[in-house]
Amino acid sequence: PGKEREDVSCISKSDGTTYYVESVKGRF
């Protein structure tokens, strides 16, 4: 609420490369 949309996590199409925003690393 009241904030901009932020990326939390991503995954590539094929090789499973992932990304996590720092605030969720180790939890998501």
PDB file of all heavy atoms in Angstrom:
ATOM      1  N   PRO A   1       0.824  -1.215   0.000  1.00  0.00           N
ATOM      2  CA  PRO A   1       0.000   0.000   0.000  1.00  0.00           C
ATOM      3  C   PRO A   1       0.853   1.257   0.000  1.00  0.00           C
ATOM      4  O   PRO A   1       1.772   1.398   0.810  1.00  0.00           O
ATOM      5  CB  PRO A   1      -0.796  -0.126   1.303  1.00  0.00           C
ATOM      6  CG  PRO A   1      -0.854  -1.578   1.570  1.00  0.00           C
ATOM      7  CD  PRO A   1       0.449  -2.136   1.077  1.00  0.00           C
ATOM      8  N   GLY A   2       0.573   2.138  -0.944  1.00  0.00           N
ATOM      9  CA  GLY A   2       1.287   3.394  -1.023  1.00  0.00           C
ATOM     10  C   GLY A   2       2.686   3.309  -1.594  1.00  0.00           C
ATOM     11  O   GLY A   2       3.416   4.307  -1.594  1.00  0.00           O
ATOM     12  N   LYS A   3       3.073   2.149  -2.084  1.00  0.00           N
ATOM     13  CA  LYS A   3       4.419   1.979  -2.619  1.00  0.00           C
ATOM     14  C   LYS A   3       4.365   1.522  -4.072  1.00  0.00           C
ATOM     15  O   LYS A   3       3.346   1.043  -4.553  1.00  0.00           O
ATOM     16  CB  LYS A   3       5.207   0.982  -1.779  1.00  0.00           C
ATOM     17  CG  LYS A   3       5.465   1.443  -0.358  1.00  0.00           C
ATOM     18  CD  LYS A   3       6.392   0.493   0.367  1.00  0.00           C
ATOM     19  CE  LYS A   3       6.719   0.994   1.763  1.00  0.00           C
ATOM     20  NZ  LYS A   3       7.650   0.082   2.477  1.00  0.00           N
ATOM     21  N   GLU A   4       5.499   1.656  -4.733  1.00  0.00           N
ATOM     22  CA  GLU A   4       5.583   1.197  -6.105  1.00  0.00           C
ATOM     23  C   GLU A   4       5.738  -0.320  -6.165  1.00  0.00           C
ATOM     24  O   GLU A   4       6.195  -0.949  -5.213  1.00  0.00           O
ATOM     25  CB  GLU A   4       6.759   1.874  -6.809  1.00  0.00           C
ATOM     26  CG  GLU A   4       6.584   3.368  -6.997  1.00  0.00           C
ATOM     27  CD  GLU A   4       7.706   3.971  -7.826  1.00  0.00           C
ATOM     28  OE1 GLU A   4       8.653   3.241  -8.161  1.00  0.00           O
ATOM     29  OE2 GLU A   4       7.613   5.165  -8.146  1.00  0.00           O
ATOM     30  N   ARG A   5       5.356  -0.855  -7.316  1.00  0.00           N
ATOM     31  CA  ARG A   5       5.522  -2.289  -7.522  1.00  0.00           C
ATOM     32  C   ARG A   5       7.014  -2.619  -7.578  1.00  0.00           C
ATOM     33  O   ARG A   5       7.775  -1.935  -8.250  1.00  0.00           O
ATOM     34  CB  ARG A   5       4.827  -2.710  -8.816  1.00  0.00           C
ATOM     35  CG  ARG A   5       4.723  -4.195  -9.035  1.00  0.00           C
ATOM     36  CD  ARG A   5       3.872  -4.508 -10.252  1.00  0.00           C
ATOM     37  NE  ARG A   5       2.504  -4.018 -10.096  1.00  0.00           N
ATOM     38  CZ  ARG A   5       1.516  -4.318 -10.952  1.00  0.00           C
ATOM     39  NH1 ARG A   5       1.757  -5.117 -11.984  1.00  0.00           N
ATOM     40  NH2 ARG A   5       0.315  -3.820 -10.751  1.00  0.00           N
ATOM     41  N   GLU A   6       7.417  -3.670  -6.877  1.00  0.00           N
ATOM     42  CA  GLU A   6       8.813  -4.073  -6.874  1.00  0.00           C
ATOM     43  C   GLU A   6       8.950  -5.543  -7.263  1.00  0.00           C
ATOM     44  O   GLU A   6       8.077  -6.371  -6.979  1.00  0.00           O
ATOM     45  CB  GLU A   6       9.457  -3.846  -5.505  1.00  0.00           C
ATOM     46  CG  GLU A   6       8.946  -4.746  -4.398  1.00  0.00           C
ATOM     47  CD  GLU A   6       9.826  -4.723  -3.164  1.00  0.00           C
ATOM     48  OE1 GLU A   6      10.992  -4.290  -3.221  1.00  0.00           O
ATOM     49  OE2 GLU A   6       9.330  -5.166  -2.098  1.00  0.00           O
ATOM     50  N   ASP A   7      10.076  -5.823  -7.882  1.00  0.00           N
ATOM     51  CA  ASP A   7      10.374  -7.196  -8.243  1.00  0.00           C
ATOM     52  C   ASP A   7      10.849  -7.947  -6.999  1.00  0.00           C
ATOM     53  O   ASP A   7      11.752  -7.493  -6.311  1.00  0.00           O
ATOM     54  CB  ASP A   7      11.444  -7.221  -9.327  1.00  0.00           C
ATOM     55  CG  ASP A   7      11.793  -8.615  -9.757  1.00  0.00           C
ATOM     56  OD1 ASP A   7      10.939  -9.512  -9.657  1.00  0.00           O
ATOM     57  OD2 ASP A   7      12.942  -8.820 -10.195  1.00  0.00           O
ATOM     58  N   VAL A   8      10.253  -9.082  -6.744  1.00  0.00           N
ATOM     59  CA  VAL A   8      10.613  -9.900  -5.590  1.00  0.00           C
ATOM     60  C   VAL A   8      11.533 -11.039  -6.002  1.00  0.00           C
ATOM     61  O   VAL A   8      12.550 -11.298  -5.355  1.00  0.00           O
ATOM     62  CB  VAL A   8       9.342 -10.470  -4.922  1.00  0.00           C
ATOM     63  CG1 VAL A   8       9.707 -11.435  -3.803  1.00  0.00           C
ATOM     64  CG2 VAL A   8       8.467  -9.343  -4.393  1.00  0.00           C
ATOM     65  N   SER A   9      11.181 -11.703  -7.103  1.00  0.00           N
ATOM     66  CA  SER A   9      11.950 -12.860  -7.534  1.00  0.00           C
ATOM     67  C   SER A   9      11.680 -13.129  -9.004  1.00  0.00           C
ATOM     68  O   SER A   9      10.602 -12.824  -9.513  1.00  0.00           O
ATOM     69  CB  SER A   9      11.560 -14.088  -6.705  1.00  0.00           C
ATOM     70  OG  SER A   9      12.308 -15.227  -7.099  1.00  0.00           O
ATOM     71  N   CYS A  10      12.692 -13.688  -9.689  1.00  0.00           N
ATOM     72  CA  CYS A  10      12.565 -14.038 -11.100  1.00  0.00           C
ATOM     73  C   CYS A  10      13.206 -15.396 -11.337  1.00  0.00           C
ATOM     74  O   CYS A  10      14.086 -15.819 -10.583  1.00  0.00           O
ATOM     75  CB  CYS A  10      13.276 -13.036 -11.990  1.00  0.00           C
ATOM     76  SG  CYS A  10      12.896 -11.326 -11.687  1.00  0.00           S
ATOM     77  N   ILE A  11      12.797 -16.023 -12.437  1.00  0.00           N
ATOM     78  CA  ILE A  11      13.429 -17.273 -12.843  1.00  0.00           C
ATOM     79  C   ILE A  11      13.529 -17.292 -14.361  1.00  0.00           C
ATOM     80  O   ILE A  11      12.601 -16.866 -15.061  1.00  0.00           O
ATOM     81  CB  ILE A  11      12.668 -18.501 -12.295  1.00  0.00           C
ATOM     82  CG1 ILE A  11      13.450 -19.795 -12.542  1.00  0.00           C
ATOM     83  CG2 ILE A  11      11.254 -18.572 -12.860  1.00  0.00           C
ATOM     84  CD1 ILE A  11      12.926 -20.986 -11.754  1.00  0.00           C
ATOM     85  N   SER A  12      14.664 -17.748 -14.860  1.00  0.00           N
ATOM     86  CA  SER A  12      14.863 -17.806 -16.300  1.00  0.00           C
ATOM     87  C   SER A  12      14.027 -18.908 -16.920  1.00  0.00           C
ATOM     88  O   SER A  12      13.467 -19.760 -16.227  1.00  0.00           O
ATOM     89  CB  SER A  12      16.345 -18.031 -16.603  1.00  0.00           C
ATOM     90  OG  SER A  12      16.748 -19.308 -16.123  1.00  0.00           O
ATOM     91  N   LYS A  13      14.000 -18.895 -18.254  1.00  0.00           N
ATOM     92  CA  LYS A  13      13.159 -19.865 -18.963  1.00  0.00           C
ATOM     93  C   LYS A  13      13.683 -21.280 -18.838  1.00  0.00           C
ATOM     94  O   LYS A  13      12.931 -22.216 -18.553  1.00  0.00           O
ATOM     95  CB  LYS A  13      13.083 -19.481 -20.447  1.00  0.00           C
ATOM     96  CG  LYS A  13      12.196 -20.413 -21.284  1.00  0.00           C
ATOM     97  CD  LYS A  13      12.283 -20.091 -22.752  1.00  0.00           C
ATOM     98  CE  LYS A  13      13.511 -20.706 -23.390  1.00  0.00           C
ATOM     99  NZ  LYS A  13      13.479 -20.608 -24.875  1.00  0.00           N
ATOM    100  N   SER A  14      14.980 -21.453 -19.048  1.00  0.00           N
ATOM    101  CA  SER A  14      15.492 -22.810 -19.245  1.00  0.00           C
ATOM    102  C   SER A  14      16.395 -23.347 -18.142  1.00  0.00           C
ATOM    103  O   SER A  14      16.208 -24.472 -17.688  1.00  0.00           O
ATOM    104  CB  SER A  14      16.260 -22.877 -20.569  1.00  0.00           C
ATOM    105  OG  SER A  14      15.418 -22.571 -21.647  1.00  0.00           O
ATOM    106  N   ASP A  15      17.376 -22.536 -17.721  1.00  0.00           N
ATOM    107  CA  ASP A  15      18.401 -23.117 -16.860  1.00  0.00           C
ATOM    108  C   ASP A  15      18.163 -22.878 -15.376  1.00  0.00           C
ATOM    109  O   ASP A  15      18.999 -23.219 -14.550  1.00  0.00           O
ATOM    110  CB  ASP A  15      19.791 -22.610 -17.261  1.00  0.00           C
ATOM    111  CG  ASP A  15      19.943 -21.110 -17.038  1.00  0.00           C
ATOM    112  OD1 ASP A  15      18.980 -20.458 -16.590  1.00  0.00           O
ATOM    113  OD2 ASP A  15      21.038 -20.589 -17.338  1.00  0.00           O
ATOM    114  N   GLY A  16      17.014 -22.294 -15.053  1.00  0.00           N
ATOM    115  CA  GLY A  16      16.677 -22.150 -13.639  1.00  0.00           C
ATOM    116  C   GLY A  16      17.419 -21.071 -12.902  1.00  0.00           C
ATOM    117  O   GLY A  16      17.393 -21.038 -11.667  1.00  0.00           O
ATOM    118  N   THR A  17      18.071 -20.192 -13.630  1.00  0.00           N
ATOM    119  CA  THR A  17      18.736 -19.058 -12.973  1.00  0.00           C
ATOM    120  C   THR A  17      17.692 -18.216 -12.253  1.00  0.00           C
ATOM    121  O   THR A  17      16.652 -17.901 -12.814  1.00  0.00           O
ATOM    122  CB  THR A  17      19.481 -18.198 -13.997  1.00  0.00           C
ATOM    123  OG1 THR A  17      20.423 -19.009 -14.692  1.00  0.00           O
ATOM    124  CG2 THR A  17      20.197 -17.048 -13.315  1.00  0.00           C
ATOM    125  N   THR A  18      17.981 -17.881 -11.012  1.00  0.00           N
ATOM    126  CA  THR A  18      17.007 -17.160 -10.201  1.00  0.00           C
ATOM    127  C   THR A  18      17.568 -15.848  -9.672  1.00  0.00           C
ATOM    128  O   THR A  18      18.784 -15.667  -9.573  1.00  0.00           O
ATOM    129  CB  THR A  18      16.531 -18.011  -9.014  1.00  0.00           C
ATOM    130  OG1 THR A  18      17.675 -18.393  -8.228  1.00  0.00           O
ATOM    131  CG2 THR A  18      15.800 -19.249  -9.477  1.00  0.00           C
ATOM    132  N   TYR A  19      16.657 -14.989  -9.319  1.00  0.00           N
ATOM    133  CA  TYR A  19      16.985 -13.694  -8.701  1.00  0.00           C
ATOM    134  C   TYR A  19      16.038 -13.483  -7.528  1.00  0.00           C
ATOM    135  O   TYR A  19      14.850 -13.834  -7.610  1.00  0.00           O
ATOM    136  CB  TYR A  19      16.807 -12.562  -9.712  1.00  0.00           C
ATOM    137  CG  TYR A  19      16.705 -11.200  -9.065  1.00  0.00           C
ATOM    138  CD1 TYR A  19      17.845 -10.475  -8.745  1.00  0.00           C
ATOM    139  CD2 TYR A  19      15.458 -10.650  -8.751  1.00  0.00           C
ATOM    140  CE1 TYR A  19      17.743  -9.228  -8.139  1.00  0.00           C
ATOM    141  CE2 TYR A  19      15.361  -9.407  -8.142  1.00  0.00           C
ATOM    142  CZ  TYR A  19      16.497  -8.714  -7.842  1.00  0.00           C
ATOM    143  OH  TYR A  19      16.394  -7.490  -7.235  1.00  0.00           O
ATOM    144  N   TYR A  20      16.582 -12.904  -6.458  1.00  0.00           N
ATOM    145  CA  TYR A  20      15.764 -12.510  -5.311  1.00  0.00           C
ATOM    146  C   TYR A  20      16.182 -11.123  -4.869  1.00  0.00           C
ATOM    147  O   TYR A  20      17.386 -10.830  -4.772  1.00  0.00           O
ATOM    148  CB  TYR A  20      15.940 -13.483  -4.145  1.00  0.00           C
ATOM    149  CG  TYR A  20      15.539 -14.907  -4.460  1.00  0.00           C
ATOM    150  CD1 TYR A  20      16.476 -15.839  -4.878  1.00  0.00           C
ATOM    151  CD2 TYR A  20      14.214 -15.309  -4.350  1.00  0.00           C
ATOM    152  CE1 TYR A  20      16.117 -17.133  -5.195  1.00  0.00           C
ATOM    153  CE2 TYR A  20      13.843 -16.611  -4.656  1.00  0.00           C
ATOM    154  CZ  TYR A  20      14.796 -17.523  -5.076  1.00  0.00           C
ATOM    155  OH  TYR A  20      14.425 -18.800  -5.390  1.00  0.00           O
ATOM    156  N   VAL A  21      15.205 -10.301  -4.571  1.00  0.00           N
ATOM    157  CA  VAL A  21      15.524  -9.017  -3.964  1.00  0.00           C
ATOM    158  C   VAL A  21      16.136  -9.284  -2.596  1.00  0.00           C
ATOM    159  O   VAL A  21      15.815 -10.304  -1.931  1.00  0.00           O
ATOM    160  CB  VAL A  21      14.257  -8.124  -3.876  1.00  0.00           C
ATOM    161  CG1 VAL A  21      13.280  -8.667  -2.856  1.00  0.00           C
ATOM    162  CG2 VAL A  21      14.630  -6.688  -3.607  1.00  0.00           C
ATOM    163  N   GLU A  22      17.030  -8.422  -2.178  1.00  0.00           N
ATOM    164  CA  GLU A  22      17.799  -8.672  -0.963  1.00  0.00           C
ATOM    165  C   GLU A  22      16.933  -8.973   0.247  1.00  0.00           C
ATOM    166  O   GLU A  22      17.273  -9.831   1.063  1.00  0.00           O
ATOM    167  CB  GLU A  22      18.705  -7.466  -0.680  1.00  0.00           C
ATOM    168  CG  GLU A  22      19.731  -7.686   0.427  1.00  0.00           C
ATOM    169  CD  GLU A  22      20.755  -8.743   0.088  1.00  0.00           C
ATOM    170  OE1 GLU A  22      21.105  -8.889  -1.105  1.00  0.00           O
ATOM    171  OE2 GLU A  22      21.194  -9.442   1.019  1.00  0.00           O
ATOM    172  N   SER A  23      15.815  -8.294   0.351  1.00  0.00           N
ATOM    173  CA  SER A  23      14.974  -8.421   1.552  1.00  0.00           C
ATOM    174  C   SER A  23      14.322  -9.790   1.705  1.00  0.00           C
ATOM    175  O   SER A  23      13.831 -10.110   2.797  1.00  0.00           O
ATOM    176  CB  SER A  23      13.885  -7.342   1.549  1.00  0.00           C
ATOM    177  OG  SER A  23      13.054  -7.495   0.409  1.00  0.00           O
ATOM    178  N   VAL A  24      14.317 -10.602   0.636  1.00  0.00           N
ATOM    179  CA  VAL A  24      13.672 -11.924   0.737  1.00  0.00           C
ATOM    180  C   VAL A  24      14.657 -13.080   0.594  1.00  0.00           C
ATOM    181  O   VAL A  24      14.254 -14.240   0.696  1.00  0.00           O
ATOM    182  CB  VAL A  24      12.528 -12.081  -0.295  1.00  0.00           C
ATOM    183  CG1 VAL A  24      11.558 -10.924  -0.211  1.00  0.00           C
ATOM    184  CG2 VAL A  24      13.060 -12.261  -1.703  1.00  0.00           C
ATOM    185  N   LYS A  25      15.914 -12.767   0.363  1.00  0.00           N
ATOM    186  CA  LYS A  25      16.913 -13.829   0.204  1.00  0.00           C
ATOM    187  C   LYS A  25      16.959 -14.726   1.437  1.00  0.00           C
ATOM    188  O   LYS A  25      16.976 -14.251   2.564  1.00  0.00           O
ATOM    189  CB  LYS A  25      18.288 -13.218  -0.061  1.00  0.00           C
ATOM    190  CG  LYS A  25      18.479 -12.717  -1.468  1.00  0.00           C
ATOM    191  CD  LYS A  25      19.890 -12.177  -1.673  1.00  0.00           C
ATOM    192  CE  LYS A  25      20.078 -11.674  -3.088  1.00  0.00           C
ATOM    193  NZ  LYS A  25      21.434 -11.102  -3.292  1.00  0.00           N
ATOM    194  N   GLY A  26      16.994 -16.033   1.179  1.00  0.00           N
ATOM    195  CA  GLY A  26      17.028 -16.996   2.271  1.00  0.00           C
ATOM    196  C   GLY A  26      15.651 -17.334   2.825  1.00  0.00           C
ATOM    197  O   GLY A  26      15.516 -18.259   3.637  1.00  0.00           O
ATOM    198  N   ARG A  27      14.629 -16.588   2.392  1.00  0.00           N
ATOM    199  CA  ARG A  27      13.262 -16.836   2.904  1.00  0.00           C
ATOM    200  C   ARG A  27      12.309 -17.282   1.804  1.00  0.00           C
ATOM    201  O   ARG A  27      11.403 -18.070   2.045  1.00  0.00           O
ATOM    202  CB  ARG A  27      12.715 -15.570   3.570  1.00  0.00           C
ATOM    203  CG  ARG A  27      13.540 -15.070   4.739  1.00  0.00           C
ATOM    204  CD  ARG A  27      12.840 -13.940   5.481  1.00  0.00           C
ATOM    205  NE  ARG A  27      12.626 -12.759   4.668  1.00  0.00           N
ATOM    206  CZ  ARG A  27      11.420 -12.248   4.394  1.00  0.00           C
ATOM    207  NH1 ARG A  27      10.326 -12.835   4.859  1.00  0.00           N
ATOM    208  NH2 ARG A  27      11.312 -11.150   3.664  1.00  0.00           N
ATOM    209  N   PHE A  28      12.485 -16.731   0.596  1.00  0.00           N
ATOM    210  CA  PHE A  28      11.591 -17.043  -0.519  1.00  0.00           C
ATOM    211  C   PHE A  28      12.312 -17.945  -1.512  1.00  0.00           C
ATOM    212  O   PHE A  28      13.525 -17.840  -1.712  1.00  0.00           O
ATOM    213  CB  PHE A  28      11.172 -15.770  -1.244  1.00  0.00           C
ATOM    214  CG  PHE A  28      10.218 -14.885  -0.490  1.00  0.00           C
ATOM    215  CD1 PHE A  28       9.965 -15.055   0.866  1.00  0.00           C
ATOM    216  CD2 PHE A  28       9.568 -13.841  -1.146  1.00  0.00           C
ATOM    217  CE1 PHE A  28       9.094 -14.235   1.554  1.00  0.00           C
ATOM    218  CE2 PHE A  28       8.694 -13.013  -0.477  1.00  0.00           C
ATOM    219  CZ  PHE A  28       8.458 -13.210   0.876  1.00  0.00           C
TER     220      PHE A  28
END
